[in-house]
Amino acid sequence: MGRRKIEMKMVKDSNSRQKSHELATLCSPQISIVIFSPGGKPVSFGHPSVESKLNNQLSELQRQVQFEKKKEQMLQTVMEANGTRSPKFLDEMSVDKLLKFKKAMEQLREKI
């Protein structure tokens, strides 16, 4: 496929341009845009760069995964200490064990 020129149109209304500029200045948006050319090739634009925006999202997701792993590990420790292996056994636990389990869960919540 050959190259084609794609017409870009400027926003003619100066008020609209000014409002867009003010909004971008006031909000400091972080945007990433990926578009596909008529030939099917992806083109990206980002402010800041697309790569930095994706890295930010990736590190946030990694932080959430680590947090969930810690929660799972602590829950597993508490459950092992109470003699249970899975939450399915909660129905079979005695009232005393349930109260101990509740207390352990509250302590776990305080640690997190």
PDB file of N, CA and C in Angstrom:
ATOM      1  N   MET A   1       0.833  -1.183   0.000  1.00  0.00           N
ATOM      2  CA  MET A   1       0.000   0.000   0.000  1.00  0.00           C
ATOM      3  C   MET A   1       0.872   1.238   0.000  1.00  0.00           C
ATOM      4  N   GLY A   2       0.452   2.198  -0.745  1.00  0.00           N
ATOM      5  CA  GLY A   2       1.184   3.451  -0.814  1.00  0.00           C
ATOM      6  C   GLY A   2       0.787   4.394   0.302  1.00  0.00           C
ATOM      7  N   ARG A   3       1.532   5.462   0.412  1.00  0.00           N
ATOM      8  CA  ARG A   3       1.224   6.462   1.433  1.00  0.00           C
ATOM      9  C   ARG A   3       0.093   7.348   0.941  1.00  0.00           C
ATOM     10  N   ARG A   4      -0.734   7.724   1.888  1.00  0.00           N
ATOM     11  CA  ARG A   4      -1.807   8.654   1.567  1.00  0.00           C
ATOM     12  C   ARG A   4      -1.700   9.845   2.489  1.00  0.00           C
ATOM     13  N   LYS A   5      -2.059  10.980   1.992  1.00  0.00           N
ATOM     14  CA  LYS A   5      -2.107  12.164   2.843  1.00  0.00           C
ATOM     15  C   LYS A   5      -3.455  12.187   3.541  1.00  0.00           C
ATOM     16  N   ILE A   6      -3.398  12.427   4.827  1.00  0.00           N
ATOM     17  CA  ILE A   6      -4.627  12.523   5.608  1.00  0.00           C
ATOM     18  C   ILE A   6      -4.803  13.979   5.994  1.00  0.00           C
ATOM     19  N   GLU A   7      -5.953  14.492   5.658  1.00  0.00           N
ATOM     20  CA  GLU A   7      -6.218  15.902   5.921  1.00  0.00           C
ATOM     21  C   GLU A   7      -6.470  16.114   7.415  1.00  0.00           C
ATOM     22  N   MET A   8      -5.761  17.073   7.967  1.00  0.00           N
ATOM     23  CA  MET A   8      -5.978  17.459   9.359  1.00  0.00           C
ATOM     24  C   MET A   8      -6.703  18.781   9.347  1.00  0.00           C
ATOM     25  N   LYS A   9      -7.725  18.886  10.165  1.00  0.00           N
ATOM     26  CA  LYS A   9      -8.507  20.116  10.204  1.00  0.00           C
ATOM     27  C   LYS A   9      -8.284  20.815  11.531  1.00  0.00           C
ATOM     28  N   MET A  10      -8.079  22.085  11.457  1.00  0.00           N
ATOM     29  CA  MET A  10      -7.893  22.889  12.656  1.00  0.00           C
ATOM     30  C   MET A  10      -9.257  23.287  13.211  1.00  0.00           C
ATOM     31  N   VAL A  11      -9.345  23.381  14.517  1.00  0.00           N
ATOM     32  CA  VAL A  11     -10.576  23.865  15.137  1.00  0.00           C
ATOM     33  C   VAL A  11     -10.653  25.347  14.820  1.00  0.00           C
ATOM     34  N   LYS A  12     -11.673  25.722  14.067  1.00  0.00           N
ATOM     35  CA  LYS A  12     -11.750  27.101  13.569  1.00  0.00           C
ATOM     36  C   LYS A  12     -12.229  28.085  14.621  1.00  0.00           C
ATOM     37  N   ASP A  13     -13.081  27.653  15.512  1.00  0.00           N
ATOM     38  CA  ASP A  13     -13.629  28.551  16.518  1.00  0.00           C
ATOM     39  C   ASP A  13     -12.557  28.852  17.565  1.00  0.00           C
ATOM     40  N   SER A  14     -12.164  30.119  17.654  1.00  0.00           N
ATOM     41  CA  SER A  14     -11.085  30.492  18.578  1.00  0.00           C
ATOM     42  C   SER A  14     -11.489  30.277  20.034  1.00  0.00           C
ATOM     43  N   ASN A  15     -12.771  30.431  20.348  1.00  0.00           N
ATOM     44  CA  ASN A  15     -13.222  30.176  21.726  1.00  0.00           C
ATOM     45  C   ASN A  15     -13.025  28.707  22.098  1.00  0.00           C
ATOM     46  N   SER A  16     -13.331  27.819  21.177  1.00  0.00           N
ATOM     47  CA  SER A  16     -13.148  26.385  21.439  1.00  0.00           C
ATOM     48  C   SER A  16     -11.677  26.054  21.617  1.00  0.00           C
ATOM     49  N   ARG A  17     -10.828  26.662  20.785  1.00  0.00           N
ATOM     50  CA  ARG A  17      -9.385  26.424  20.923  1.00  0.00           C
ATOM     51  C   ARG A  17      -8.888  26.929  22.263  1.00  0.00           C
ATOM     52  N   GLN A  18      -9.354  28.114  22.666  1.00  0.00           N
ATOM     53  CA  GLN A  18      -8.919  28.702  23.929  1.00  0.00           C
ATOM     54  C   GLN A  18      -9.365  27.830  25.107  1.00  0.00           C
ATOM     55  N   LYS A  19     -10.611  27.351  25.060  1.00  0.00           N
ATOM     56  CA  LYS A  19     -11.118  26.504  26.140  1.00  0.00           C
ATOM     57  C   LYS A  19     -10.334  25.201  26.216  1.00  0.00           C
ATOM     58  N   SER A  20     -10.007  24.635  25.075  1.00  0.00           N
ATOM     59  CA  SER A  20      -9.222  23.401  25.058  1.00  0.00           C
ATOM     60  C   SER A  20      -7.850  23.641  25.666  1.00  0.00           C
ATOM     61  N   HIS A  21      -7.246  24.757  25.302  1.00  0.00           N
ATOM     62  CA  HIS A  21      -5.924  25.101  25.820  1.00  0.00           C
ATOM     63  C   HIS A  21      -5.984  25.289  27.337  1.00  0.00           C
ATOM     64  N   GLU A  22      -6.989  26.041  27.815  1.00  0.00           N
ATOM     65  CA  GLU A  22      -7.123  26.283  29.252  1.00  0.00           C
ATOM     66  C   GLU A  22      -7.347  24.979  30.015  1.00  0.00           C
ATOM     67  N   LEU A  23      -8.194  24.128  29.469  1.00  0.00           N
ATOM     68  CA  LEU A  23      -8.468  22.849  30.118  1.00  0.00           C
ATOM     69  C   LEU A  23      -7.198  22.013  30.226  1.00  0.00           C
ATOM     70  N   ALA A  24      -6.439  21.966  29.150  1.00  0.00           N
ATOM     71  CA  ALA A  24      -5.193  21.193  29.161  1.00  0.00           C
ATOM     72  C   ALA A  24      -4.191  21.791  30.142  1.00  0.00           C
ATOM     73  N   THR A  25      -4.151  23.115  30.243  1.00  0.00           N
ATOM     74  CA  THR A  25      -3.217  23.773  31.152  1.00  0.00           C
ATOM     75  C   THR A  25      -3.617  23.555  32.610  1.00  0.00           C
ATOM     76  N   LEU A  26      -4.904  23.712  32.905  1.00  0.00           N
ATOM     77  CA  LEU A  26      -5.373  23.601  34.282  1.00  0.00           C
ATOM     78  C   LEU A  26      -5.331  22.168  34.812  1.00  0.00           C
ATOM     79  N   CYS A  27      -5.666  21.228  33.978  1.00  0.00           N
ATOM     80  CA  CYS A  27      -5.801  19.839  34.440  1.00  0.00           C
ATOM     81  C   CYS A  27      -4.529  19.022  34.298  1.00  0.00           C
ATOM     82  N   SER A  28      -3.597  19.476  33.526  1.00  0.00           N
ATOM     83  CA  SER A  28      -2.380  18.709  33.241  1.00  0.00           C
ATOM     84  C   SER A  28      -2.722  17.259  32.917  1.00  0.00           C
ATOM     85  N   PRO A  29      -3.525  17.052  31.895  1.00  0.00           N
ATOM     86  CA  PRO A  29      -3.962  15.680  31.619  1.00  0.00           C
ATOM     87  C   PRO A  29      -2.813  14.795  31.174  1.00  0.00           C
ATOM     88  N   GLN A  30      -2.910  13.557  31.553  1.00  0.00           N
ATOM     89  CA  GLN A  30      -1.979  12.547  31.064  1.00  0.00           C
ATOM     90  C   GLN A  30      -2.784  11.701  30.102  1.00  0.00           C
ATOM     91  N   ILE A  31      -2.444  11.797  28.839  1.00  0.00           N
ATOM     92  CA  ILE A  31      -3.232  11.082  27.844  1.00  0.00           C
ATOM     93  C   ILE A  31      -2.339  10.200  26.992  1.00  0.00           C
ATOM     94  N   SER A  32      -2.944   9.181  26.488  1.00  0.00           N
ATOM     95  CA  SER A  32      -2.290   8.312  25.518  1.00  0.00           C
ATOM     96  C   SER A  32      -3.312   8.023  24.439  1.00  0.00           C
ATOM     97  N   ILE A  33      -2.909   8.232  23.217  1.00  0.00           N
ATOM     98  CA  ILE A  33      -3.800   7.996  22.086  1.00  0.00           C
ATOM     99  C   ILE A  33      -3.110   7.033  21.139  1.00  0.00           C
ATOM    100  N   VAL A  34      -3.831   6.014  20.757  1.00  0.00           N
ATOM    101  CA  VAL A  34      -3.334   5.087  19.748  1.00  0.00           C
ATOM    102  C   VAL A  34      -4.373   5.062  18.643  1.00  0.00           C
ATOM    103  N   ILE A  35      -3.947   5.412  17.454  1.00  0.00           N
ATOM    104  CA  ILE A  35      -4.848   5.369  16.305  1.00  0.00           C
ATOM    105  C   ILE A  35      -4.230   4.469  15.251  1.00  0.00           C
ATOM    106  N   PHE A  36      -5.053   4.006  14.363  1.00  0.00           N
ATOM    107  CA  PHE A  36      -4.572   3.152  13.289  1.00  0.00           C
ATOM    108  C   PHE A  36      -4.725   3.889  11.974  1.00  0.00           C
ATOM    109  N   SER A  37      -3.648   3.895  11.222  1.00  0.00           N
ATOM    110  CA  SER A  37      -3.667   4.544   9.918  1.00  0.00           C
ATOM    111  C   SER A  37      -4.562   3.737   8.984  1.00  0.00           C
ATOM    112  N   PRO A  38      -4.946   4.333   7.870  1.00  0.00           N
ATOM    113  CA  PRO A  38      -5.759   3.579   6.912  1.00  0.00           C
ATOM    114  C   PRO A  38      -5.075   2.288   6.467  1.00  0.00           C
ATOM    115  N   GLY A  39      -3.755   2.260   6.518  1.00  0.00           N
ATOM    116  CA  GLY A  39      -3.020   1.050   6.158  1.00  0.00           C
ATOM    117  C   GLY A  39      -2.970   0.026   7.282  1.00  0.00           C
ATOM    118  N   GLY A  40      -3.534   0.369   8.457  1.00  0.00           N
ATOM    119  CA  GLY A  40      -3.578  -0.566   9.575  1.00  0.00           C
ATOM    120  C   GLY A  40      -2.402  -0.468  10.520  1.00  0.00           C
ATOM    121  N   LYS A  41      -1.526   0.510  10.318  1.00  0.00           N
ATOM    122  CA  LYS A  41      -0.368   0.655  11.207  1.00  0.00           C
ATOM    123  C   LYS A  41      -0.748   1.524  12.407  1.00  0.00           C
ATOM    124  N   PRO A  42      -0.367   1.092  13.611  1.00  0.00           N
ATOM    125  CA  PRO A  42      -0.686   1.894  14.789  1.00  0.00           C
ATOM    126  C   PRO A  42       0.244   3.101  14.914  1.00  0.00           C
ATOM    127  N   VAL A  43      -0.338   4.209  15.318  1.00  0.00           N
ATOM    128  CA  VAL A  43       0.410   5.438  15.575  1.00  0.00           C
ATOM    129  C   VAL A  43       0.011   5.885  16.975  1.00  0.00           C
ATOM    130  N   SER A  44       0.996   6.231  17.806  1.00  0.00           N
ATOM    131  CA  SER A  44       0.668   6.610  19.179  1.00  0.00           C
ATOM    132  C   SER A  44       1.168   8.009  19.490  1.00  0.00           C
ATOM    133  N   PHE A  45       0.466   8.640  20.428  1.00  0.00           N
ATOM    134  CA  PHE A  45       0.847   9.946  20.934  1.00  0.00           C
ATOM    135  C   PHE A  45       0.530   9.942  22.415  1.00  0.00           C
ATOM    136  N   GLY A  46       1.381  10.542  23.189  1.00  0.00           N
ATOM    137  CA  GLY A  46       1.115  10.613  24.617  1.00  0.00           C
ATOM    138  C   GLY A  46       1.718  11.850  25.237  1.00  0.00           C
ATOM    139  N   HIS A  47       1.079  12.318  26.280  1.00  0.00           N
ATOM    140  CA  HIS A  47       1.616  13.429  27.056  1.00  0.00           C
ATOM    141  C   HIS A  47       1.494  13.058  28.519  1.00  0.00           C
ATOM    142  N   PRO A  48       2.491  12.774  29.273  1.00  0.00           N
ATOM    143  CA  PRO A  48       3.847  12.566  28.775  1.00  0.00           C
ATOM    144  C   PRO A  48       3.859  11.387  27.817  1.00  0.00           C
ATOM    145  N   SER A  49       4.963  10.845  27.518  1.00  0.00           N
ATOM    146  CA  SER A  49       5.048   9.816  26.485  1.00  0.00           C
ATOM    147  C   SER A  49       4.158   8.619  26.813  1.00  0.00           C
ATOM    148  N   VAL A  50       3.765   7.921  25.768  1.00  0.00           N
ATOM    149  CA  VAL A  50       2.936   6.724  25.935  1.00  0.00           C
ATOM    150  C   VAL A  50       3.665   5.712  26.811  1.00  0.00           C
ATOM    151  N   GLU A  51       4.953   5.579  26.605  1.00  0.00           N
ATOM    152  CA  GLU A  51       5.741   4.610  27.374  1.00  0.00           C
ATOM    153  C   GLU A  51       5.718   4.930  28.866  1.00  0.00           C
ATOM    154  N   SER A  52       5.870   6.205  29.221  1.00  0.00           N
ATOM    155  CA  SER A  52       5.870   6.558  30.645  1.00  0.00           C
ATOM    156  C   SER A  52       4.491   6.343  31.258  1.00  0.00           C
ATOM    157  N   LYS A  53       3.441   6.630  30.497  1.00  0.00           N
ATOM    158  CA  LYS A  53       2.081   6.408  30.990  1.00  0.00           C
ATOM    159  C   LYS A  53       1.834   4.918  31.224  1.00  0.00           C
ATOM    160  N   LEU A  54       2.264   4.088  30.284  1.00  0.00           N
ATOM    161  CA  LEU A  54       2.101   2.639  30.436  1.00  0.00           C
ATOM    162  C   LEU A  54       2.942   2.107  31.594  1.00  0.00           C
ATOM    163  N   ASN A  55       4.148   2.644  31.760  1.00  0.00           N
ATOM    164  CA  ASN A  55       4.995   2.228  32.888  1.00  0.00           C
ATOM    165  C   ASN A  55       4.341   2.576  34.222  1.00  0.00           C
ATOM    166  N   ASN A  56       3.699   3.758  34.292  1.00  0.00           N
ATOM    167  CA  ASN A  56       2.991   4.147  35.515  1.00  0.00           C
ATOM    168  C   ASN A  56       1.867   3.164  35.824  1.00  0.00           C
ATOM    169  N   GLN A  57       1.104   2.817  34.799  1.00  0.00           N
ATOM    170  CA  GLN A  57      -0.001   1.879  35.007  1.00  0.00           C
ATOM    171  C   GLN A  57       0.522   0.498  35.389  1.00  0.00           C
ATOM    172  N   LEU A  58       1.598   0.081  34.761  1.00  0.00           N
ATOM    173  CA  LEU A  58       2.184  -1.222  35.074  1.00  0.00           C
ATOM    174  C   LEU A  58       2.668  -1.270  36.516  1.00  0.00           C
ATOM    175  N   SER A  59       3.359  -0.210  36.969  1.00  0.00           N
ATOM    176  CA  SER A  59       3.849  -0.225  38.347  1.00  0.00           C
ATOM    177  C   SER A  59       2.693  -0.184  39.342  1.00  0.00           C
ATOM    178  N   GLU A  60       1.614   0.507  39.012  1.00  0.00           N
ATOM    179  CA  GLU A  60       0.441   0.517  39.895  1.00  0.00           C
ATOM    180  C   GLU A  60      -0.168  -0.882  39.984  1.00  0.00           C
ATOM    181  N   LEU A  61      -0.278  -1.553  38.860  1.00  0.00           N
ATOM    182  CA  LEU A  61      -0.812  -2.920  38.860  1.00  0.00           C
ATOM    183  C   LEU A  61       0.094  -3.874  39.632  1.00  0.00           C
ATOM    184  N   GLN A  62       1.402  -3.713  39.479  1.00  0.00           N
ATOM    185  CA  GLN A  62       2.342  -4.564  40.213  1.00  0.00           C
ATOM    186  C   GLN A  62       2.220  -4.329  41.716  1.00  0.00           C
ATOM    187  N   ARG A  63       2.027  -3.072  42.107  1.00  0.00           N
ATOM    188  CA  ARG A  63       1.848  -2.748  43.524  1.00  0.00           C
ATOM    189  C   ARG A  63       0.572  -3.408  44.061  1.00  0.00           C
ATOM    190  N   GLN A  64      -0.493  -3.358  43.270  1.00  0.00           N
ATOM    191  CA  GLN A  64      -1.744  -3.990  43.693  1.00  0.00           C
ATOM    192  C   GLN A  64      -1.587  -5.505  43.816  1.00  0.00           C
ATOM    193  N   VAL A  65      -0.866  -6.107  42.884  1.00  0.00           N
ATOM    194  CA  VAL A  65      -0.639  -7.553  42.933  1.00  0.00           C
ATOM    195  C   VAL A  65       0.145  -7.918  44.191  1.00  0.00           C
ATOM    196  N   GLN A  66       1.190  -7.153  44.507  1.00  0.00           N
ATOM    197  CA  GLN A  66       1.976  -7.416  45.714  1.00  0.00           C
ATOM    198  C   GLN A  66       1.114  -7.294  46.968  1.00  0.00           C
ATOM    199  N   PHE A  67       0.258  -6.283  46.988  1.00  0.00           N
ATOM    200  CA  PHE A  67      -0.642  -6.082  48.123  1.00  0.00           C
ATOM    201  C   PHE A  67      -1.573  -7.279  48.281  1.00  0.00           C
ATOM    202  N   GLU A  68      -2.140  -7.744  47.179  1.00  0.00           N
ATOM    203  CA  GLU A  68      -3.045  -8.893  47.230  1.00  0.00           C
ATOM    204  C   GLU A  68      -2.305 -10.161  47.659  1.00  0.00           C
ATOM    205  N   LYS A  69      -1.066 -10.321  47.214  1.00  0.00           N
ATOM    206  CA  LYS A  69      -0.280 -11.487  47.625  1.00  0.00           C
ATOM    207  C   LYS A  69      -0.022 -11.463  49.124  1.00  0.00           C
ATOM    208  N   LYS A  70       0.276 -10.272  49.664  1.00  0.00           N
ATOM    209  CA  LYS A  70       0.499 -10.153  51.108  1.00  0.00           C
ATOM    210  C   LYS A  70      -0.772 -10.484  51.875  1.00  0.00           C
ATOM    211  N   LYS A  71      -1.906  -9.986  51.370  1.00  0.00           N
ATOM    212  CA  LYS A  71      -3.175 -10.293  52.027  1.00  0.00           C
ATOM    213  C   LYS A  71      -3.444 -11.790  52.017  1.00  0.00           C
ATOM    214  N   GLU A  72      -3.199 -12.417  50.883  1.00  0.00           N
ATOM    215  CA  GLU A  72      -3.422 -13.857  50.768  1.00  0.00           C
ATOM    216  C   GLU A  72      -2.510 -14.625  51.725  1.00  0.00           C
ATOM    217  N   GLN A  73      -1.258 -14.201  51.789  1.00  0.00           N
ATOM    218  CA  GLN A  73      -0.291 -14.866  52.661  1.00  0.00           C
ATOM    219  C   GLN A  73      -0.708 -14.738  54.127  1.00  0.00           C
ATOM    220  N   MET A  74      -1.121 -13.548  54.522  1.00  0.00           N
ATOM    221  CA  MET A  74      -1.541 -13.337  55.905  1.00  0.00           C
ATOM    222  C   MET A  74      -2.810 -14.128  56.212  1.00  0.00           C
ATOM    223  N   LEU A  75      -3.728 -14.160  55.270  1.00  0.00           N
ATOM    224  CA  LEU A  75      -4.952 -14.927  55.461  1.00  0.00           C
ATOM    225  C   LEU A  75      -4.632 -16.407  55.607  1.00  0.00           C
ATOM    226  N   GLN A  76      -3.725 -16.880  54.782  1.00  0.00           N
ATOM    227  CA  GLN A  76      -3.315 -18.289  54.852  1.00  0.00           C
ATOM    228  C   GLN A  76      -2.699 -18.596  56.217  1.00  0.00           C
ATOM    229  N   THR A  77      -1.864 -17.687  56.713  1.00  0.00           N
ATOM    230  CA  THR A  77      -1.229 -17.873  58.020  1.00  0.00           C
ATOM    231  C   THR A  77      -2.273 -17.940  59.126  1.00  0.00           C
ATOM    232  N   VAL A  78      -3.232 -17.021  59.070  1.00  0.00           N
ATOM    233  CA  VAL A  78      -4.280 -16.994  60.089  1.00  0.00           C
ATOM    234  C   VAL A  78      -5.121 -18.261  60.022  1.00  0.00           C
ATOM    235  N   MET A  79      -5.448 -18.675  58.814  1.00  0.00           N
ATOM    236  CA  MET A  79      -6.282 -19.868  58.661  1.00  0.00           C
ATOM    237  C   MET A  79      -5.553 -21.120  59.137  1.00  0.00           C
ATOM    238  N   GLU A  80      -4.259 -21.200  58.865  1.00  0.00           N
ATOM    239  CA  GLU A  80      -3.477 -22.349  59.341  1.00  0.00           C
ATOM    240  C   GLU A  80      -3.386 -22.348  60.860  1.00  0.00           C
ATOM    241  N   ALA A  81      -3.263 -21.155  61.437  1.00  0.00           N
ATOM    242  CA  ALA A  81      -3.190 -21.056  62.896  1.00  0.00           C
ATOM    243  C   ALA A  81      -4.499 -21.485  63.543  1.00  0.00           C
ATOM    244  N   ASN A  82      -5.593 -21.279  62.826  1.00  0.00           N
ATOM    245  CA  ASN A  82      -6.900 -21.665  63.360  1.00  0.00           C
ATOM    246  C   ASN A  82      -7.307 -23.076  62.953  1.00  0.00           C
ATOM    247  N   GLY A  83      -6.450 -23.757  62.253  1.00  0.00           N
ATOM    248  CA  GLY A  83      -6.738 -25.136  61.886  1.00  0.00           C
ATOM    249  C   GLY A  83      -7.659 -25.292  60.694  1.00  0.00           C
ATOM    250  N   THR A  84      -7.776 -24.267  59.872  1.00  0.00           N
ATOM    251  CA  THR A  84      -8.608 -24.375  58.669  1.00  0.00           C
ATOM    252  C   THR A  84      -7.722 -24.269  57.449  1.00  0.00           C
ATOM    253  N   ARG A  85      -8.180 -24.830  56.373  1.00  0.00           N
ATOM    254  CA  ARG A  85      -7.401 -24.777  55.138  1.00  0.00           C
ATOM    255  C   ARG A  85      -8.059 -23.897  54.092  1.00  0.00           C
ATOM    256  N   SER A  86      -9.335 -23.742  54.199  1.00  0.00           N
ATOM    257  CA  SER A  86     -10.076 -23.027  53.172  1.00  0.00           C
ATOM    258  C   SER A  86     -11.289 -22.351  53.800  1.00  0.00           C
ATOM    259  N   PRO A  87     -11.731 -21.223  53.254  1.00  0.00           N
ATOM    260  CA  PRO A  87     -12.925 -20.564  53.793  1.00  0.00           C
ATOM    261  C   PRO A  87     -14.170 -21.448  53.733  1.00  0.00           C
ATOM    262  N   LYS A  88     -14.148 -22.531  52.958  1.00  0.00           N
ATOM    263  CA  LYS A  88     -15.299 -23.430  52.863  1.00  0.00           C
ATOM    264  C   LYS A  88     -15.610 -24.055  54.221  1.00  0.00           C
ATOM    265  N   PHE A  89     -14.593 -24.164  55.069  1.00  0.00           N
ATOM    266  CA  PHE A  89     -14.768 -24.815  56.355  1.00  0.00           C
ATOM    267  C   PHE A  89     -15.345 -23.885  57.423  1.00  0.00           C
ATOM    268  N   LEU A  90     -15.615 -22.641  57.079  1.00  0.00           N
ATOM    269  CA  LEU A  90     -16.148 -21.710  58.068  1.00  0.00           C
ATOM    270  C   LEU A  90     -17.489 -22.188  58.607  1.00  0.00           C
ATOM    271  N   ASP A  91     -18.301 -22.797  57.752  1.00  0.00           N
ATOM    272  CA  ASP A  91     -19.602 -23.291  58.195  1.00  0.00           C
ATOM    273  C   ASP A  91     -19.456 -24.397  59.230  1.00  0.00           C
ATOM    274  N   GLU A  92     -18.372 -25.123  59.170  1.00  0.00           N
ATOM    275  CA  GLU A  92     -18.162 -26.256  60.066  1.00  0.00           C
ATOM    276  C   GLU A  92     -17.460 -25.869  61.367  1.00  0.00           C
ATOM    277  N   MET A  93     -16.995 -24.617  61.478  1.00  0.00           N
ATOM    278  CA  MET A  93     -16.251 -24.196  62.665  1.00  0.00           C
ATOM    279  C   MET A  93     -17.199 -23.950  63.832  1.00  0.00           C
ATOM    280  N   SER A  94     -16.695 -24.199  65.040  1.00  0.00           N
ATOM    281  CA  SER A  94     -17.482 -23.921  66.240  1.00  0.00           C
ATOM    282  C   SER A  94     -17.509 -22.413  66.477  1.00  0.00           C
ATOM    283  N   VAL A  95     -18.397 -22.000  67.361  1.00  0.00           N
ATOM    284  CA  VAL A  95     -18.531 -20.575  67.666  1.00  0.00           C
ATOM    285  C   VAL A  95     -17.225 -20.026  68.234  1.00  0.00           C
ATOM    286  N   ASP A  96     -16.578 -20.781  69.119  1.00  0.00           N
ATOM    287  CA  ASP A  96     -15.310 -20.334  69.703  1.00  0.00           C
ATOM    288  C   ASP A  96     -14.248 -20.126  68.625  1.00  0.00           C
ATOM    289  N   LYS A  97     -14.152 -21.097  67.712  1.00  0.00           N
ATOM    290  CA  LYS A  97     -13.159 -20.968  66.642  1.00  0.00           C
ATOM    291  C   LYS A  97     -13.493 -19.793  65.725  1.00  0.00           C
ATOM    292  N   LEU A  98     -14.796 -19.588  65.469  1.00  0.00           N
ATOM    293  CA  LEU A  98     -15.191 -18.455  64.636  1.00  0.00           C
ATOM    294  C   LEU A  98     -14.822 -17.134  65.297  1.00  0.00           C
ATOM    295  N   LEU A  99     -15.020 -17.037  66.608  1.00  0.00           N
ATOM    296  CA  LEU A  99     -14.655 -15.812  67.322  1.00  0.00           C
ATOM    297  C   LEU A  99     -13.148 -15.584  67.285  1.00  0.00           C
ATOM    298  N   LYS A 100     -12.367 -16.651  67.458  1.00  0.00           N
ATOM    299  CA  LYS A 100     -10.911 -16.528  67.355  1.00  0.00           C
ATOM    300  C   LYS A 100     -10.506 -16.105  65.950  1.00  0.00           C
ATOM    301  N   PHE A 101     -11.181 -16.694  64.979  1.00  0.00           N
ATOM    302  CA  PHE A 101     -10.888 -16.358  63.589  1.00  0.00           C
ATOM    303  C   PHE A 101     -11.218 -14.894  63.311  1.00  0.00           C
ATOM    304  N   LYS A 102     -12.348 -14.430  63.846  1.00  0.00           N
ATOM    305  CA  LYS A 102     -12.744 -13.032  63.672  1.00  0.00           C
ATOM    306  C   LYS A 102     -11.697 -12.097  64.285  1.00  0.00           C
ATOM    307  N   LYS A 103     -11.246 -12.442  65.484  1.00  0.00           N
ATOM    308  CA  LYS A 103     -10.235 -11.622  66.160  1.00  0.00           C
ATOM    309  C   LYS A 103      -8.936 -11.596  65.347  1.00  0.00           C
ATOM    310  N   ALA A 104      -8.545 -12.756  64.833  1.00  0.00           N
ATOM    311  CA  ALA A 104      -7.325 -12.825  64.023  1.00  0.00           C
ATOM    312  C   ALA A 104      -7.476 -11.996  62.747  1.00  0.00           C
ATOM    313  N   MET A 105      -8.661 -12.018  62.159  1.00  0.00           N
ATOM    314  CA  MET A 105      -8.894 -11.233  60.943  1.00  0.00           C
ATOM    315  C   MET A 105      -8.845  -9.737  61.247  1.00  0.00           C
ATOM    316  N   GLU A 106      -9.377  -9.331  62.396  1.00  0.00           N
ATOM    317  CA  GLU A 106      -9.317  -7.921  62.784  1.00  0.00           C
ATOM    318  C   GLU A 106      -7.873  -7.478  62.994  1.00  0.00           C
ATOM    319  N   GLN A 107      -7.071  -8.345  63.610  1.00  0.00           N
ATOM    320  CA  GLN A 107      -5.649  -8.027  63.790  1.00  0.00           C
ATOM    321  C   GLN A 107      -4.953  -7.932  62.440  1.00  0.00           C
ATOM    322  N   LEU A 108      -5.340  -8.807  61.543  1.00  0.00           N
ATOM    323  CA  LEU A 108      -4.779  -8.779  60.193  1.00  0.00           C
ATOM    324  C   LEU A 108      -5.122  -7.470  59.498  1.00  0.00           C
ATOM    325  N   ARG A 109      -6.364  -7.023  59.654  1.00  0.00           N
ATOM    326  CA  ARG A 109      -6.789  -5.772  59.032  1.00  0.00           C
ATOM    327  C   ARG A 109      -5.990  -4.595  59.576  1.00  0.00           C
ATOM    328  N   GLU A 110      -5.695  -4.604  60.874  1.00  0.00           N
ATOM    329  CA  GLU A 110      -4.912  -3.525  61.477  1.00  0.00           C
ATOM    330  C   GLU A 110      -3.497  -3.481  60.920  1.00  0.00           C
ATOM    331  N   LYS A 111      -2.926  -4.656  60.639  1.00  0.00           N
ATOM    332  CA  LYS A 111      -1.571  -4.709  60.087  1.00  0.00           C
ATOM    333  C   LYS A 111      -1.523  -4.154  58.672  1.00  0.00           C
ATOM    334  N   ILE A 112      -2.608  -4.331  57.949  1.00  0.00           N
ATOM    335  CA  ILE A 112      -2.648  -3.862  56.557  1.00  0.00           C
ATOM    336  C   ILE A 112      -3.015  -2.416  56.578  1.00  0.00           C
TER     337      ILE A 112
END
